[in-house]
Amino acid sequence: MSLIAGFDARFPNQNQTKHCWQNYVDYFKCIKARGEDFPPCKQFFRAYHSLCPNDYISKWDTQREEGNFPVNLNP
């Protein structure tokens, strides 16, 4: 099982910040819609953990927990 995010044509540049962000958002939308055990959700999880700095993840997790995350994560 690969722990590295694969190529995504939506993000062709070296800067992967948007790719990181999109996988983080997609993961939480996916688990709300399908549950944590749904295989595509696990791929989003692996991708954002591969791409995102831990500081970003911690910040976004805190924002979600406090209810001030800038994106609606409902499916």
N, C-alpha and C. Protein backbone atom coordinates (compact mmCIF):
# COMPACT_ATOMS: atom_id res chain seq x y z
N MET A 1 0.85 -1.17 0.00
CA MET A 1 0.00 0.00 0.00
C MET A 1 0.89 1.24 0.00
N SER A 2 0.65 2.13 -0.94
CA SER A 2 1.44 3.35 -1.05
C SER A 2 0.96 4.40 -0.07
N LEU A 3 1.89 5.06 0.58
CA LEU A 3 1.55 6.13 1.51
C LEU A 3 1.81 7.50 0.90
N ILE A 4 2.07 7.54 -0.39
CA ILE A 4 2.36 8.79 -1.07
C ILE A 4 1.21 9.11 -2.00
N ALA A 5 0.80 10.37 -1.99
CA ALA A 5 -0.28 10.79 -2.88
C ALA A 5 0.19 10.71 -4.33
N GLY A 6 -0.68 10.19 -5.18
CA GLY A 6 -0.35 10.08 -6.59
C GLY A 6 -0.56 11.40 -7.32
N PHE A 7 -0.24 11.39 -8.60
CA PHE A 7 -0.42 12.58 -9.43
C PHE A 7 -1.89 12.92 -9.55
N ASP A 8 -2.20 14.20 -9.46
CA ASP A 8 -3.56 14.69 -9.65
C ASP A 8 -3.49 15.82 -10.67
N ALA A 9 -4.10 15.63 -11.83
CA ALA A 9 -4.00 16.60 -12.92
C ALA A 9 -4.57 17.97 -12.55
N ARG A 10 -5.38 18.03 -11.50
CA ARG A 10 -5.91 19.33 -11.06
C ARG A 10 -4.82 20.20 -10.44
N PHE A 11 -3.70 19.57 -10.03
CA PHE A 11 -2.64 20.28 -9.34
C PHE A 11 -1.30 19.96 -9.99
N PRO A 12 -1.02 20.53 -11.18
CA PRO A 12 0.17 20.15 -11.93
C PRO A 12 1.47 20.81 -11.46
N ASN A 13 1.39 21.80 -10.60
CA ASN A 13 2.58 22.54 -10.18
C ASN A 13 3.28 21.88 -9.01
N GLN A 14 4.50 22.35 -8.74
CA GLN A 14 5.27 21.79 -7.63
C GLN A 14 4.64 22.13 -6.28
N ASN A 15 4.07 23.31 -6.16
CA ASN A 15 3.46 23.71 -4.90
C ASN A 15 2.19 22.88 -4.69
N GLN A 16 2.21 22.05 -3.67
CA GLN A 16 1.12 21.10 -3.44
C GLN A 16 0.16 21.55 -2.33
N THR A 17 0.21 22.83 -1.95
CA THR A 17 -0.65 23.31 -0.87
C THR A 17 -2.12 23.11 -1.20
N LYS A 18 -2.54 23.46 -2.41
CA LYS A 18 -3.95 23.30 -2.77
C LYS A 18 -4.33 21.82 -2.83
N HIS A 19 -3.42 20.99 -3.28
CA HIS A 19 -3.65 19.54 -3.33
C HIS A 19 -3.84 19.01 -1.90
N CYS A 20 -2.98 19.45 -1.00
CA CYS A 20 -3.07 19.09 0.41
C CYS A 20 -4.45 19.50 0.96
N TRP A 21 -4.80 20.77 0.76
CA TRP A 21 -6.07 21.32 1.26
C TRP A 21 -7.26 20.53 0.71
N GLN A 22 -7.27 20.27 -0.59
CA GLN A 22 -8.40 19.59 -1.21
C GLN A 22 -8.57 18.18 -0.67
N ASN A 23 -7.47 17.47 -0.45
CA ASN A 23 -7.56 16.12 0.11
C ASN A 23 -8.05 16.14 1.55
N TYR A 24 -7.64 17.14 2.32
CA TYR A 24 -8.12 17.28 3.70
C TYR A 24 -9.63 17.49 3.70
N VAL A 25 -10.10 18.43 2.90
CA VAL A 25 -11.53 18.72 2.82
C VAL A 25 -12.29 17.50 2.29
N ASP A 26 -11.79 16.88 1.23
CA ASP A 26 -12.46 15.71 0.65
C ASP A 26 -12.56 14.57 1.65
N TYR A 27 -11.53 14.38 2.47
CA TYR A 27 -11.57 13.31 3.47
C TYR A 27 -12.73 13.53 4.44
N PHE A 28 -12.85 14.71 4.99
CA PHE A 28 -13.89 14.94 6.00
C PHE A 28 -15.28 14.95 5.39
N LYS A 29 -15.41 15.40 4.15
CA LYS A 29 -16.71 15.29 3.47
C LYS A 29 -17.05 13.82 3.22
N CYS A 30 -16.05 13.05 2.83
CA CYS A 30 -16.24 11.64 2.52
C CYS A 30 -16.67 10.85 3.75
N ILE A 31 -15.98 11.06 4.88
CA ILE A 31 -16.35 10.27 6.06
C ILE A 31 -17.72 10.66 6.60
N LYS A 32 -18.13 11.91 6.40
CA LYS A 32 -19.48 12.30 6.81
C LYS A 32 -20.52 11.63 5.93
N ALA A 33 -20.20 11.45 4.65
CA ALA A 33 -21.15 10.86 3.71
C ALA A 33 -21.14 9.33 3.75
N ARG A 34 -19.95 8.73 3.90
CA ARG A 34 -19.82 7.28 3.73
C ARG A 34 -19.24 6.53 4.92
N GLY A 35 -18.63 7.23 5.86
CA GLY A 35 -18.02 6.56 7.01
C GLY A 35 -16.53 6.36 6.81
N GLU A 36 -15.82 6.21 7.91
CA GLU A 36 -14.35 6.12 7.89
C GLU A 36 -13.83 4.87 7.19
N ASP A 37 -14.64 3.82 7.11
CA ASP A 37 -14.16 2.57 6.53
C ASP A 37 -14.32 2.50 5.01
N PHE A 38 -14.91 3.50 4.40
CA PHE A 38 -15.10 3.52 2.95
C PHE A 38 -13.72 3.71 2.30
N PRO A 39 -13.27 2.77 1.44
CA PRO A 39 -11.90 2.82 0.90
C PRO A 39 -11.48 4.15 0.25
N PRO A 40 -12.33 4.80 -0.56
CA PRO A 40 -11.89 6.09 -1.11
C PRO A 40 -11.60 7.14 -0.04
N CYS A 41 -12.32 7.08 1.08
CA CYS A 41 -12.04 8.02 2.18
C CYS A 41 -10.63 7.79 2.72
N LYS A 42 -10.25 6.53 2.82
CA LYS A 42 -8.91 6.21 3.32
C LYS A 42 -7.84 6.76 2.39
N GLN A 43 -8.11 6.78 1.09
CA GLN A 43 -7.14 7.33 0.14
C GLN A 43 -6.97 8.83 0.35
N PHE A 44 -8.06 9.55 0.59
CA PHE A 44 -7.95 10.98 0.90
C PHE A 44 -7.13 11.19 2.17
N PHE A 45 -7.36 10.34 3.17
CA PHE A 45 -6.62 10.44 4.43
C PHE A 45 -5.13 10.26 4.19
N ARG A 46 -4.77 9.21 3.47
CA ARG A 46 -3.35 8.96 3.18
C ARG A 46 -2.75 10.12 2.38
N ALA A 47 -3.51 10.63 1.43
CA ALA A 47 -3.00 11.72 0.59
C ALA A 47 -2.74 12.98 1.40
N TYR A 48 -3.70 13.38 2.24
CA TYR A 48 -3.45 14.63 2.97
C TYR A 48 -2.37 14.45 4.02
N HIS A 49 -2.25 13.27 4.60
CA HIS A 49 -1.15 13.05 5.55
C HIS A 49 0.20 13.01 4.84
N SER A 50 0.22 12.64 3.59
CA SER A 50 1.45 12.63 2.81
C SER A 50 1.84 14.03 2.36
N LEU A 51 0.86 14.86 2.03
CA LEU A 51 1.12 16.16 1.43
C LEU A 51 1.18 17.32 2.41
N CYS A 52 0.40 17.26 3.48
CA CYS A 52 0.24 18.42 4.37
C CYS A 52 1.24 18.43 5.51
N PRO A 53 1.82 19.59 5.79
CA PRO A 53 2.65 19.71 7.00
C PRO A 53 1.79 19.49 8.25
N ASN A 54 2.37 18.90 9.27
CA ASN A 54 1.64 18.62 10.51
C ASN A 54 1.03 19.88 11.11
N ASP A 55 1.71 21.01 10.98
CA ASP A 55 1.18 22.27 11.52
C ASP A 55 -0.14 22.64 10.85
N TYR A 56 -0.24 22.43 9.55
CA TYR A 56 -1.49 22.72 8.84
C TYR A 56 -2.61 21.83 9.37
N ILE A 57 -2.32 20.54 9.49
CA ILE A 57 -3.33 19.59 9.95
C ILE A 57 -3.80 19.95 11.35
N SER A 58 -2.87 20.27 12.24
CA SER A 58 -3.24 20.65 13.61
C SER A 58 -4.12 21.89 13.62
N LYS A 59 -3.75 22.88 12.81
CA LYS A 59 -4.53 24.12 12.75
C LYS A 59 -5.94 23.83 12.24
N TRP A 60 -6.04 23.07 11.17
CA TRP A 60 -7.36 22.78 10.59
C TRP A 60 -8.19 21.91 11.52
N ASP A 61 -7.56 20.95 12.21
CA ASP A 61 -8.29 20.13 13.18
C ASP A 61 -8.86 21.00 14.29
N THR A 62 -8.06 21.94 14.78
CA THR A 62 -8.53 22.85 15.83
C THR A 62 -9.69 23.70 15.32
N GLN A 63 -9.57 24.21 14.12
CA GLN A 63 -10.66 25.02 13.55
C GLN A 63 -11.94 24.20 13.42
N ARG A 64 -11.83 22.96 12.98
CA ARG A 64 -13.03 22.10 12.87
C ARG A 64 -13.65 21.88 14.24
N GLU A 65 -12.82 21.57 15.24
CA GLU A 65 -13.31 21.29 16.58
C GLU A 65 -13.98 22.52 17.20
N GLU A 66 -13.47 23.70 16.88
CA GLU A 66 -14.02 24.94 17.43
C GLU A 66 -15.18 25.49 16.60
N GLY A 67 -15.48 24.84 15.48
CA GLY A 67 -16.60 25.25 14.65
C GLY A 67 -16.33 26.45 13.77
N ASN A 68 -15.06 26.78 13.54
CA ASN A 68 -14.77 27.93 12.68
C ASN A 68 -13.91 27.56 11.47
N PHE A 69 -14.06 26.32 11.01
CA PHE A 69 -13.36 25.89 9.79
C PHE A 69 -13.98 26.62 8.61
N PRO A 70 -13.18 27.14 7.67
CA PRO A 70 -13.72 28.01 6.62
C PRO A 70 -14.53 27.31 5.51
N VAL A 71 -14.71 26.01 5.60
CA VAL A 71 -15.45 25.27 4.57
C VAL A 71 -16.53 24.43 5.24
N ASN A 72 -17.70 24.37 4.62
CA ASN A 72 -18.76 23.49 5.08
C ASN A 72 -18.38 22.06 4.69
N LEU A 73 -18.21 21.19 5.67
CA LEU A 73 -17.77 19.82 5.40
C LEU A 73 -18.92 18.83 5.27
N ASN A 74 -20.14 19.33 5.25
CA ASN A 74 -21.27 18.43 5.04
C ASN A 74 -21.29 18.01 3.57
N PRO A 75 -21.59 16.72 3.34
CA PRO A 75 -21.60 16.22 1.95
C PRO A 75 -22.69 16.87 1.11
